[in-house]
């Protein structure tokens, strides 16, 4: 068994672990990631803010092998982040640099820092894996910014550009399906306006309000639901 203890000496969780040595780094990497993801339900913090320490004081990282033992779970606050460090995460999210985003979130760095926030750029550009990492790290799925993105949310940007998988991810992260931008335009309005039928269907299944307000062209989404198909990504 692998026993997980907190710094107060209380057992947090225990998991069965095979003593057999795994042969590949790929297998070991997945094991540790899965352990930390499971621990989130016990400690309330994502894997980026968890550190596991062996009894001998060595740190268990994502490339170490799990073995029957006792390890201590240490929970971290976000590190102080400079403007340049926040900008680095924003740039990585905008460019779809998944490995860089992973590395920066492991500092651990607050995924909501940056103006505009990293998730807005990831959603706007359809970078699914980057968006997934940011959401996993605790990024606000309803964050908005009114200078560059007109107070649009990540869901609005994803729907406007037909990024179906990103939109689905955001909805699963409890993004507000009806939250509008400064012009009172909602995700459904934009999906209809640009003919992204797969995204439109996704929003309707999420119970988006069809006639909440005016659309991009001044008409309501109900008049456009059967519009011309678009390219949903």
Protein backbone atom coordinates (compact mmCIF):
# COMPACT_ATOMS: atom_id res chain seq x y z
CA UNK A 1 0.00 0.00 0.00
CA UNK A 2 0.97 3.59 -0.53
CA UNK A 3 0.00 5.64 2.52
CA UNK A 4 -0.40 9.41 2.23
CA UNK A 5 0.01 11.50 5.38
CA UNK A 6 -0.41 15.23 5.92
CA UNK A 7 2.03 17.40 7.85
CA UNK A 8 -0.05 16.93 11.03
CA UNK A 9 0.57 13.20 10.95
CA UNK A 10 -2.94 12.21 9.88
CA UNK A 11 -3.45 9.70 7.11
CA UNK A 12 -5.12 11.39 4.14
CA UNK A 13 -5.54 8.36 1.90
CA UNK A 14 -4.13 4.95 1.04
CA UNK A 15 -3.86 3.33 -2.37
CA UNK A 16 -2.85 -0.17 -3.46
CA UNK A 17 0.44 -0.08 -5.36
CA UNK A 18 2.20 -3.02 -6.98
CA UNK A 19 5.73 -3.68 -5.77
CA UNK A 20 6.73 -4.77 -9.27
CA UNK A 21 9.07 -2.31 -10.96
CA UNK A 22 7.50 -0.60 -13.96
CA UNK A 23 9.61 -0.67 -17.09
CA UNK A 24 8.91 2.64 -18.78
CA UNK A 25 9.03 6.29 -17.84
CA UNK A 26 5.66 6.66 -19.56
CA UNK A 27 4.03 4.27 -17.10
CA UNK A 28 5.70 5.93 -14.11
CA UNK A 29 4.68 9.40 -15.29
CA UNK A 30 1.05 8.39 -15.53
CA UNK A 31 1.09 6.76 -12.12
CA UNK A 32 2.15 9.89 -10.26
CA UNK A 33 -0.17 12.14 -12.24
CA UNK A 34 -3.09 9.88 -11.47
CA UNK A 35 -2.20 9.78 -7.78
CA UNK A 36 -2.13 13.57 -7.52
CA UNK A 37 -5.39 13.89 -9.41
CA UNK A 38 -7.01 11.44 -6.99
CA UNK A 39 -5.62 13.35 -4.05
CA UNK A 40 -7.35 16.52 -5.22
CA UNK A 41 -10.65 15.09 -3.98
CA UNK A 42 -9.08 14.63 -0.53
CA UNK A 43 -7.11 17.88 -0.20
CA UNK A 44 -9.07 20.26 -2.43
CA UNK A 45 -6.04 21.48 -4.38
CA UNK A 46 -4.92 20.56 -7.92
CA UNK A 47 -1.82 18.50 -8.58
CA UNK A 48 0.20 21.63 -9.37
CA UNK A 49 -0.04 22.67 -5.72
CA UNK A 50 0.80 19.28 -4.26
CA UNK A 51 4.21 17.94 -3.31
CA UNK A 52 4.82 14.38 -2.14
CA UNK A 53 7.83 13.66 0.05
CA UNK A 54 9.28 10.22 0.80
CA UNK A 55 10.14 9.15 4.34
CA UNK A 56 13.81 9.80 3.57
CA UNK A 57 13.04 13.42 2.68
CA UNK A 58 13.33 13.10 -1.09
CA UNK A 59 10.70 14.68 -3.30
CA UNK A 60 8.45 12.44 -5.37
CA UNK A 61 8.04 14.06 -8.77
CA UNK A 62 6.13 13.16 -11.89
CA UNK A 63 8.89 10.89 -13.19
CA UNK A 64 9.42 8.89 -10.01
CA UNK A 65 7.96 5.46 -9.55
CA UNK A 66 5.25 4.77 -7.01
CA UNK A 67 6.06 1.96 -4.60
CA UNK A 68 4.58 0.63 -1.36
CA UNK A 69 5.63 3.20 1.24
CA UNK A 70 4.46 6.17 3.26
CA UNK A 71 4.74 9.67 1.81
CA UNK A 72 3.88 13.07 3.16
CA UNK A 73 1.56 15.40 1.28
CA UNK A 74 2.60 19.05 1.34
CA UNK A 75 0.17 21.67 0.03
CA UNK A 76 1.54 24.86 -1.48
CA UNK A 77 0.25 28.39 -1.85
CA UNK A 78 0.81 30.12 -5.17
CA UNK A 79 4.31 31.54 -5.54
CA UNK A 80 4.75 35.31 -5.74
CA UNK A 81 4.54 36.13 -9.43
CA UNK A 82 6.20 39.07 -11.14
CA UNK A 83 4.67 40.88 -14.10
CA UNK A 84 7.17 39.22 -16.42
CA UNK A 85 6.33 35.75 -15.08
CA UNK A 86 2.62 36.40 -15.52
CA UNK A 87 3.29 37.59 -19.07
CA UNK A 88 5.31 34.43 -19.75
CA UNK A 89 2.30 32.25 -18.94
CA UNK A 90 0.03 34.46 -21.05
CA UNK A 91 2.42 34.21 -24.02
CA UNK A 92 2.71 30.44 -23.65
CA UNK A 93 -1.07 30.06 -23.52
CA UNK A 94 -1.54 32.31 -26.54
CA UNK A 95 1.01 30.31 -28.54
CA UNK A 96 -0.26 26.88 -27.49
CA UNK A 97 3.01 25.93 -25.77
CA UNK A 98 1.64 23.10 -23.64
CA UNK A 99 4.92 22.01 -22.04
CA UNK A 100 5.80 25.57 -21.04
CA UNK A 101 2.35 26.10 -19.52
CA UNK A 102 2.75 22.86 -17.55
CA UNK A 103 6.16 23.97 -16.29
CA UNK A 104 4.97 27.41 -15.18
CA UNK A 105 1.89 26.02 -13.44
CA UNK A 106 4.18 23.68 -11.49
CA UNK A 107 5.90 26.68 -9.79
CA UNK A 108 2.95 26.80 -8.70
CA UNK A 109 1.71 29.95 -10.45
CA UNK A 110 -1.80 31.38 -10.26
CA UNK A 111 -3.42 30.55 -13.64
CA UNK A 112 -5.63 33.65 -13.45
CA UNK A 113 -2.78 36.17 -13.40
CA UNK A 114 -2.20 38.16 -16.56
CA UNK A 115 -4.12 40.82 -18.41
CA UNK A 116 -5.86 39.38 -20.32
CA UNK A 117 -5.78 36.08 -18.46
CA UNK A 118 -4.13 33.02 -20.08
CA UNK A 119 -7.39 31.09 -20.44
CA UNK A 120 -8.88 33.84 -22.61
CA UNK A 121 -6.08 33.45 -25.16
CA UNK A 122 -6.18 29.65 -25.03
CA UNK A 123 -9.92 29.68 -25.69
CA UNK A 124 -9.69 32.32 -28.40
CA UNK A 125 -7.03 30.35 -30.29
CA UNK A 126 -8.52 26.91 -29.70
CA UNK A 127 -5.58 25.49 -27.74
CA UNK A 128 -7.43 22.61 -26.10
CA UNK A 129 -4.57 21.04 -24.11
CA UNK A 130 -3.44 24.41 -22.78
CA UNK A 131 -7.01 25.25 -21.77
CA UNK A 132 -7.28 21.84 -20.09
CA UNK A 133 -4.14 22.49 -18.03
CA UNK A 134 -5.30 25.95 -16.99
CA UNK A 135 -8.71 24.67 -15.94
CA UNK A 136 -7.09 21.81 -14.04
CA UNK A 137 -4.90 24.35 -12.24
CA UNK A 138 -7.97 26.28 -11.12
CA UNK A 139 -8.39 28.94 -13.80
CA UNK A 140 -11.68 30.82 -13.58
CA UNK A 141 -13.86 29.60 -16.46
CA UNK A 142 -15.87 32.84 -16.29
CA UNK A 143 -13.00 35.31 -16.23
CA UNK A 144 -13.32 38.29 -18.57
CA UNK A 145 -11.37 41.37 -19.68
CA UNK A 146 -12.80 44.53 -21.21
CA UNK A 147 -9.86 46.11 -23.06
CA UNK A 148 -8.81 43.46 -25.58
CA UNK A 149 -11.78 41.09 -25.47
CA UNK A 150 -14.74 43.44 -24.81
CA UNK A 151 -15.55 41.69 -21.52
CA UNK A 152 -15.88 38.35 -23.32
CA UNK A 153 -15.51 35.14 -21.33
CA UNK A 154 -13.44 32.16 -22.50
CA UNK A 155 -16.69 30.45 -23.55
CA UNK A 156 -17.72 33.40 -25.70
CA UNK A 157 -14.36 33.36 -27.47
CA UNK A 158 -14.41 29.60 -28.03
CA UNK A 159 -17.96 29.71 -29.41
CA UNK A 160 -17.27 32.70 -31.63
CA UNK A 161 -14.41 30.82 -33.28
CA UNK A 162 -16.10 27.45 -33.46
CA UNK A 163 -13.77 25.68 -31.02
CA UNK A 164 -16.17 22.92 -30.03
CA UNK A 165 -13.85 20.89 -27.80
CA UNK A 166 -12.69 23.95 -25.88
CA UNK A 167 -16.29 25.07 -25.42
CA UNK A 168 -17.23 21.64 -24.10
CA UNK A 169 -14.28 21.71 -21.68
CA UNK A 170 -15.34 25.12 -20.37
CA UNK A 171 -18.94 24.05 -19.89
CA UNK A 172 -17.74 21.04 -17.92
CA UNK A 173 -15.72 23.50 -15.82
CA UNK A 174 -19.01 25.27 -15.02
CA UNK A 175 -18.65 28.21 -17.39
CA UNK A 176 -21.80 30.36 -17.42
CA UNK A 177 -23.53 29.43 -20.68
CA UNK A 178 -25.47 32.72 -20.81
CA UNK A 179 -22.90 35.25 -19.62
CA UNK A 180 -22.73 38.09 -22.16
CA UNK A 181 -20.01 40.54 -23.19
CA UNK A 182 -20.20 44.35 -23.03
CA UNK A 183 -22.48 44.40 -26.08
CA UNK A 184 -24.91 41.98 -24.42
CA UNK A 185 -23.88 39.21 -26.83
CA UNK A 186 -23.86 35.64 -25.49
CA UNK A 187 -22.00 32.50 -26.60
CA UNK A 188 -25.16 31.25 -28.34
CA UNK A 189 -25.53 34.47 -30.30
CA UNK A 190 -22.02 34.15 -31.67
CA UNK A 191 -22.23 30.45 -32.44
CA UNK A 192 -25.42 31.10 -34.42
CA UNK A 193 -24.09 34.22 -36.12
CA UNK A 194 -20.99 32.45 -37.42
CA UNK A 195 -22.82 29.25 -38.34
CA UNK A 196 -21.09 26.93 -35.88
CA UNK A 197 -23.89 24.40 -35.64
CA UNK A 198 -22.04 21.83 -33.53
CA UNK A 199 -21.22 24.49 -30.96
CA UNK A 200 -24.80 25.79 -31.15
CA UNK A 201 -26.13 22.32 -30.38
CA UNK A 202 -23.69 22.01 -27.47
CA UNK A 203 -24.94 25.28 -25.99
CA UNK A 204 -28.58 24.30 -26.43
CA UNK A 205 -27.91 21.01 -24.67
CA UNK A 206 -26.37 23.08 -21.86
CA UNK A 207 -29.71 24.93 -21.65
CA UNK A 208 -28.56 28.25 -23.06
CA UNK A 209 -31.38 30.80 -23.12
CA UNK A 210 -32.31 31.26 -26.77
CA UNK A 211 -33.88 34.74 -26.56
CA UNK A 212 -31.85 36.22 -23.71
CA UNK A 213 -30.92 39.39 -25.63
CA UNK A 214 -30.10 40.69 -29.07
CA UNK A 215 -27.55 38.95 -31.29
CA UNK A 216 -24.58 40.30 -33.22
CA UNK A 217 -26.76 41.39 -36.13
CA UNK A 218 -29.58 42.65 -33.91
CA UNK A 219 -31.83 39.60 -34.28
CA UNK A 220 -32.36 36.92 -31.68
CA UNK A 221 -30.65 33.49 -31.81
CA UNK A 222 -33.99 31.71 -32.29
CA UNK A 223 -34.11 33.10 -35.81
CA UNK A 224 -30.65 31.77 -36.61
CA UNK A 225 -30.52 28.30 -35.04
CA UNK A 226 -31.16 26.72 -38.42
CA UNK A 227 -28.54 28.82 -40.17
CA UNK A 228 -25.77 27.73 -42.50
CA UNK A 229 -23.32 25.15 -41.07
CA UNK A 230 -19.88 26.37 -40.11
CA UNK A 231 -16.55 24.72 -39.38
CA UNK A 232 -16.49 23.62 -35.76
CA UNK A 233 -13.12 22.78 -34.33
